[in-house]
């Protein structure tokens, strides 16, 4: 494989991981907002952001590691890791609320 194909594949994995992390954060935030209106049944959706963020975290790590570092696009994997970890923490917090 040449370098451009590897760049696209790495960017693709990191972008998919980041997108899953963003989706997890949006779903978790929506669950919190709905729960503010005393609709606790919405916490049944709490495993969804946790699963999405976990898959996104794995994809972001694999996409960031499988590429030689050129130091020009190092912010994209870091942003994907930040968003997926945030989604994972929010999902775990919601799971704790739902199961208690």
N, C-alpha and C. Protein backbone atom coordinates (compact mmCIF):
# COMPACT_ATOMS: atom_id res chain seq x y z
N UNK A 1 0.84 -1.19 0.00
CA UNK A 1 0.00 0.00 0.00
C UNK A 1 0.88 1.24 0.00
N UNK A 2 0.46 2.23 -0.71
CA UNK A 2 1.23 3.46 -0.69
C UNK A 2 0.77 4.36 0.46
N UNK A 3 1.49 5.47 0.64
CA UNK A 3 1.23 6.32 1.79
C UNK A 3 -0.14 6.99 1.76
N UNK A 4 -0.64 7.33 0.58
CA UNK A 4 -1.94 8.01 0.53
C UNK A 4 -3.08 7.08 0.93
N UNK A 5 -2.96 5.80 0.57
CA UNK A 5 -3.99 4.85 0.97
C UNK A 5 -3.97 4.65 2.48
N UNK A 6 -2.78 4.58 3.07
CA UNK A 6 -2.67 4.44 4.52
C UNK A 6 -3.19 5.69 5.23
N UNK A 7 -2.92 6.86 4.67
CA UNK A 7 -3.43 8.10 5.26
C UNK A 7 -4.94 8.11 5.26
N UNK A 8 -5.53 7.70 4.15
CA UNK A 8 -7.00 7.68 4.07
C UNK A 8 -7.60 6.67 5.03
N UNK A 9 -6.94 5.51 5.15
CA UNK A 9 -7.47 4.48 6.04
C UNK A 9 -7.37 4.92 7.49
N UNK A 10 -6.25 5.53 7.87
CA UNK A 10 -6.09 6.01 9.23
C UNK A 10 -7.09 7.10 9.53
N UNK A 11 -7.20 8.05 8.59
CA UNK A 11 -8.15 9.14 8.80
C UNK A 11 -9.57 8.60 8.86
N UNK A 12 -9.84 7.59 8.08
CA UNK A 12 -11.17 7.01 8.08
C UNK A 12 -11.49 6.38 9.44
N UNK A 13 -10.57 5.59 9.99
CA UNK A 13 -10.82 4.95 11.28
C UNK A 13 -10.95 6.00 12.39
N UNK A 14 -10.08 6.98 12.36
CA UNK A 14 -10.13 8.02 13.39
C UNK A 14 -11.41 8.84 13.26
N UNK A 15 -11.81 9.13 12.04
CA UNK A 15 -13.04 9.91 11.84
C UNK A 15 -14.27 9.13 12.26
N UNK A 16 -14.31 7.85 11.96
CA UNK A 16 -15.45 7.02 12.38
C UNK A 16 -15.49 6.92 13.90
N UNK A 17 -14.33 6.73 14.52
CA UNK A 17 -14.27 6.68 15.98
C UNK A 17 -14.72 7.99 16.60
N UNK A 18 -14.27 9.11 16.04
CA UNK A 18 -14.70 10.41 16.54
C UNK A 18 -16.18 10.65 16.33
N UNK A 19 -16.69 10.21 15.19
CA UNK A 19 -18.13 10.37 14.93
C UNK A 19 -18.96 9.56 15.91
N UNK A 20 -18.51 8.35 16.22
CA UNK A 20 -19.22 7.54 17.22
C UNK A 20 -19.16 8.19 18.60
N UNK A 21 -18.03 8.80 18.91
CA UNK A 21 -17.90 9.52 20.18
C UNK A 21 -18.83 10.72 20.25
N UNK A 22 -18.92 11.46 19.16
CA UNK A 22 -19.83 12.61 19.12
C UNK A 22 -21.27 12.16 19.26
N UNK A 23 -21.62 11.06 18.58
CA UNK A 23 -22.99 10.53 18.70
C UNK A 23 -23.27 10.10 20.14
N UNK A 24 -22.29 9.49 20.78
CA UNK A 24 -22.48 9.05 22.17
C UNK A 24 -22.69 10.23 23.10
N UNK A 25 -21.91 11.29 22.91
CA UNK A 25 -22.06 12.48 23.76
C UNK A 25 -23.42 13.13 23.52
N UNK A 26 -23.85 13.22 22.27
CA UNK A 26 -25.15 13.83 21.98
C UNK A 26 -26.30 13.03 22.58
N UNK A 27 -26.23 11.71 22.47
CA UNK A 27 -27.28 10.87 23.04
C UNK A 27 -27.28 10.98 24.57
N UNK A 28 -26.10 10.95 25.17
CA UNK A 28 -26.01 11.06 26.63
C UNK A 28 -26.52 12.41 27.12
N UNK A 29 -26.19 13.46 26.40
CA UNK A 29 -26.67 14.79 26.78
C UNK A 29 -28.18 14.88 26.62
N UNK A 30 -28.73 14.29 25.58
CA UNK A 30 -30.18 14.29 25.40
C UNK A 30 -30.87 13.51 26.52
N UNK A 31 -30.26 12.41 26.93
CA UNK A 31 -30.83 11.62 28.03
C UNK A 31 -30.83 12.44 29.32
N UNK A 32 -29.74 13.17 29.58
CA UNK A 32 -29.70 14.01 30.79
C UNK A 32 -30.76 15.11 30.74
N UNK A 33 -30.92 15.73 29.58
CA UNK A 33 -31.90 16.82 29.47
C UNK A 33 -33.31 16.30 29.66
N UNK A 34 -33.63 15.15 29.08
CA UNK A 34 -34.96 14.57 29.25
C UNK A 34 -35.16 14.15 30.71
N UNK A 35 -34.10 13.65 31.35
CA UNK A 35 -34.22 13.24 32.76
C UNK A 35 -34.44 14.44 33.67
N UNK A 36 -34.04 15.63 33.25
CA UNK A 36 -34.29 16.82 34.06
C UNK A 36 -35.78 17.10 34.21
N UNK A 37 -36.58 16.62 33.27
CA UNK A 37 -38.03 16.83 33.34
C UNK A 37 -38.73 15.66 34.02
N UNK A 38 -38.01 14.97 34.92
CA UNK A 38 -38.54 13.87 35.73
C UNK A 38 -39.07 12.71 34.89
N UNK A 39 -38.41 12.43 33.81
CA UNK A 39 -38.76 11.27 32.98
C UNK A 39 -37.61 10.27 33.10
N UNK A 40 -37.59 9.55 34.23
CA UNK A 40 -36.48 8.66 34.53
C UNK A 40 -36.43 7.42 33.66
N UNK A 41 -37.51 7.11 32.96
CA UNK A 41 -37.51 5.93 32.09
C UNK A 41 -36.55 6.08 30.92
N UNK A 42 -36.11 7.30 30.65
CA UNK A 42 -35.18 7.52 29.55
C UNK A 42 -33.80 6.93 29.85
N UNK A 43 -33.51 6.64 31.11
CA UNK A 43 -32.21 6.06 31.46
C UNK A 43 -32.05 4.64 30.93
N UNK A 44 -33.11 4.07 30.39
CA UNK A 44 -32.98 2.76 29.77
C UNK A 44 -32.11 2.85 28.51
N UNK A 45 -31.92 4.05 27.98
CA UNK A 45 -31.05 4.26 26.82
C UNK A 45 -29.58 4.43 27.21
N UNK A 46 -29.27 4.36 28.49
CA UNK A 46 -27.91 4.62 28.94
C UNK A 46 -26.85 3.65 28.42
N UNK A 47 -27.16 2.38 28.11
CA UNK A 47 -26.11 1.54 27.53
C UNK A 47 -25.70 1.96 26.11
N UNK A 48 -26.58 2.64 25.40
CA UNK A 48 -26.28 3.03 24.02
C UNK A 48 -25.07 3.96 23.91
N UNK A 49 -25.00 5.07 24.66
CA UNK A 49 -23.80 5.90 24.53
C UNK A 49 -22.54 5.21 25.04
N UNK A 50 -22.69 4.33 26.02
CA UNK A 50 -21.53 3.62 26.53
C UNK A 50 -20.96 2.69 25.46
N UNK A 51 -21.81 1.98 24.78
CA UNK A 51 -21.36 1.06 23.73
C UNK A 51 -20.78 1.84 22.55
N UNK A 52 -21.46 2.90 22.12
CA UNK A 52 -20.96 3.70 21.01
C UNK A 52 -19.60 4.30 21.33
N UNK A 53 -19.44 4.82 22.54
CA UNK A 53 -18.17 5.43 22.91
C UNK A 53 -17.06 4.39 23.03
N UNK A 54 -17.38 3.21 23.52
CA UNK A 54 -16.35 2.16 23.63
C UNK A 54 -15.87 1.73 22.25
N UNK A 55 -16.79 1.55 21.32
CA UNK A 55 -16.40 1.18 19.96
C UNK A 55 -15.61 2.32 19.31
N UNK A 56 -16.06 3.55 19.52
CA UNK A 56 -15.35 4.70 18.97
C UNK A 56 -13.95 4.85 19.55
N UNK A 57 -13.79 4.55 20.82
CA UNK A 57 -12.47 4.63 21.46
C UNK A 57 -11.51 3.61 20.85
N UNK A 58 -11.99 2.39 20.65
CA UNK A 58 -11.15 1.36 20.03
C UNK A 58 -10.77 1.76 18.62
N UNK A 59 -11.72 2.26 17.84
CA UNK A 59 -11.42 2.67 16.46
C UNK A 59 -10.45 3.84 16.42
N UNK A 60 -10.60 4.79 17.32
CA UNK A 60 -9.70 5.94 17.35
C UNK A 60 -8.28 5.53 17.73
N UNK A 61 -8.15 4.62 18.67
CA UNK A 61 -6.82 4.15 19.06
C UNK A 61 -6.18 3.35 17.94
N UNK A 62 -6.93 2.43 17.34
CA UNK A 62 -6.39 1.63 16.24
C UNK A 62 -6.02 2.51 15.06
N UNK A 63 -6.86 3.47 14.72
CA UNK A 63 -6.57 4.37 13.62
C UNK A 63 -5.38 5.26 13.87
N UNK A 64 -5.17 5.66 15.11
CA UNK A 64 -4.03 6.49 15.44
C UNK A 64 -2.72 5.73 15.52
N UNK A 65 -2.78 4.46 15.91
CA UNK A 65 -1.56 3.67 16.07
C UNK A 65 -1.09 3.07 14.74
N UNK A 66 -2.01 2.75 13.86
CA UNK A 66 -1.64 2.07 12.62
C UNK A 66 -1.01 2.97 11.57
N UNK A 67 -0.59 4.12 11.93
CA UNK A 67 -0.04 5.06 10.95
C UNK A 67 1.25 5.65 11.47
N UNK A 68 2.21 5.85 10.58
CA UNK A 68 3.43 6.53 10.99
C UNK A 68 3.12 7.99 11.24
N UNK A 69 3.72 8.56 12.22
CA UNK A 69 3.39 9.92 12.63
C UNK A 69 4.11 10.93 11.76
N UNK A 70 3.33 11.80 11.14
CA UNK A 70 3.90 12.85 10.29
C UNK A 70 3.81 14.21 10.96
N UNK A 71 3.23 14.27 12.14
CA UNK A 71 3.12 15.49 12.96
C UNK A 71 2.33 16.61 12.30
N UNK A 72 1.56 16.30 11.30
CA UNK A 72 0.75 17.36 10.70
C UNK A 72 -0.73 17.21 11.05
N UNK A 73 -1.16 16.01 11.37
CA UNK A 73 -2.57 15.81 11.72
C UNK A 73 -2.68 15.04 13.04
N UNK A 74 -1.98 15.48 14.04
CA UNK A 74 -2.02 14.81 15.33
C UNK A 74 -3.20 15.26 16.18
N UNK A 75 -3.87 16.33 15.80
CA UNK A 75 -5.00 16.80 16.61
C UNK A 75 -6.25 15.97 16.38
N UNK A 76 -6.39 15.37 15.21
CA UNK A 76 -7.59 14.60 14.92
C UNK A 76 -7.71 13.36 15.82
N UNK A 77 -6.65 12.54 15.97
CA UNK A 77 -6.79 11.41 16.91
C UNK A 77 -6.98 11.86 18.36
N UNK A 78 -6.35 12.95 18.75
CA UNK A 78 -6.53 13.44 20.12
C UNK A 78 -7.96 13.92 20.36
N UNK A 79 -8.53 14.60 19.39
CA UNK A 79 -9.92 15.05 19.52
C UNK A 79 -10.87 13.86 19.57
N UNK A 80 -10.59 12.84 18.76
CA UNK A 80 -11.44 11.65 18.78
C UNK A 80 -11.34 10.94 20.12
N UNK A 81 -10.12 10.86 20.68
CA UNK A 81 -9.97 10.24 22.00
C UNK A 81 -10.69 11.03 23.08
N UNK A 82 -10.58 12.35 23.03
CA UNK A 82 -11.25 13.19 24.03
C UNK A 82 -12.77 13.00 23.98
N UNK A 83 -13.34 13.04 22.80
CA UNK A 83 -14.79 12.93 22.68
C UNK A 83 -15.27 11.54 23.08
N UNK A 84 -14.55 10.50 22.69
CA UNK A 84 -14.99 9.15 23.05
C UNK A 84 -14.85 8.88 24.54
N UNK A 85 -13.80 9.40 25.16
CA UNK A 85 -13.66 9.23 26.61
C UNK A 85 -14.76 9.99 27.35
N UNK A 86 -15.09 11.19 26.86
CA UNK A 86 -16.18 11.95 27.46
C UNK A 86 -17.51 11.20 27.31
N UNK A 87 -17.77 10.65 26.14
CA UNK A 87 -18.98 9.86 25.94
C UNK A 87 -19.02 8.62 26.81
N UNK A 88 -17.86 7.98 26.98
CA UNK A 88 -17.80 6.80 27.83
C UNK A 88 -18.08 7.15 29.29
N UNK A 89 -17.51 8.24 29.77
CA UNK A 89 -17.76 8.66 31.16
C UNK A 89 -19.23 9.04 31.37
N UNK A 90 -19.80 9.76 30.41
CA UNK A 90 -21.21 10.13 30.54
C UNK A 90 -22.11 8.90 30.52
N UNK A 91 -21.78 7.94 29.66
CA UNK A 91 -22.58 6.71 29.60
C UNK A 91 -22.48 5.90 30.87
N UNK A 92 -21.28 5.82 31.44
CA UNK A 92 -21.10 5.08 32.69
C UNK A 92 -21.84 5.76 33.84
N UNK A 93 -21.83 7.09 33.85
CA UNK A 93 -22.58 7.83 34.86
C UNK A 93 -24.08 7.56 34.73
N UNK A 94 -24.57 7.54 33.51
CA UNK A 94 -25.98 7.24 33.30
C UNK A 94 -26.32 5.81 33.68
N UNK A 95 -25.42 4.88 33.40
CA UNK A 95 -25.65 3.49 33.83
C UNK A 95 -25.73 3.39 35.35
N UNK A 96 -24.87 4.14 36.04
CA UNK A 96 -24.92 4.12 37.50
C UNK A 96 -26.23 4.69 38.03
N UNK A 97 -26.72 5.75 37.37
CA UNK A 97 -28.01 6.31 37.79
C UNK A 97 -29.15 5.34 37.51
N UNK A 98 -29.11 4.69 36.34
CA UNK A 98 -30.18 3.78 35.95
C UNK A 98 -30.21 2.55 36.83
N UNK A 99 -29.04 2.02 37.21
CA UNK A 99 -29.01 0.78 37.98
C UNK A 99 -29.14 0.99 39.48
N UNK A 100 -29.11 2.25 39.94
CA UNK A 100 -29.24 2.48 41.39
C UNK A 100 -30.68 2.67 41.80
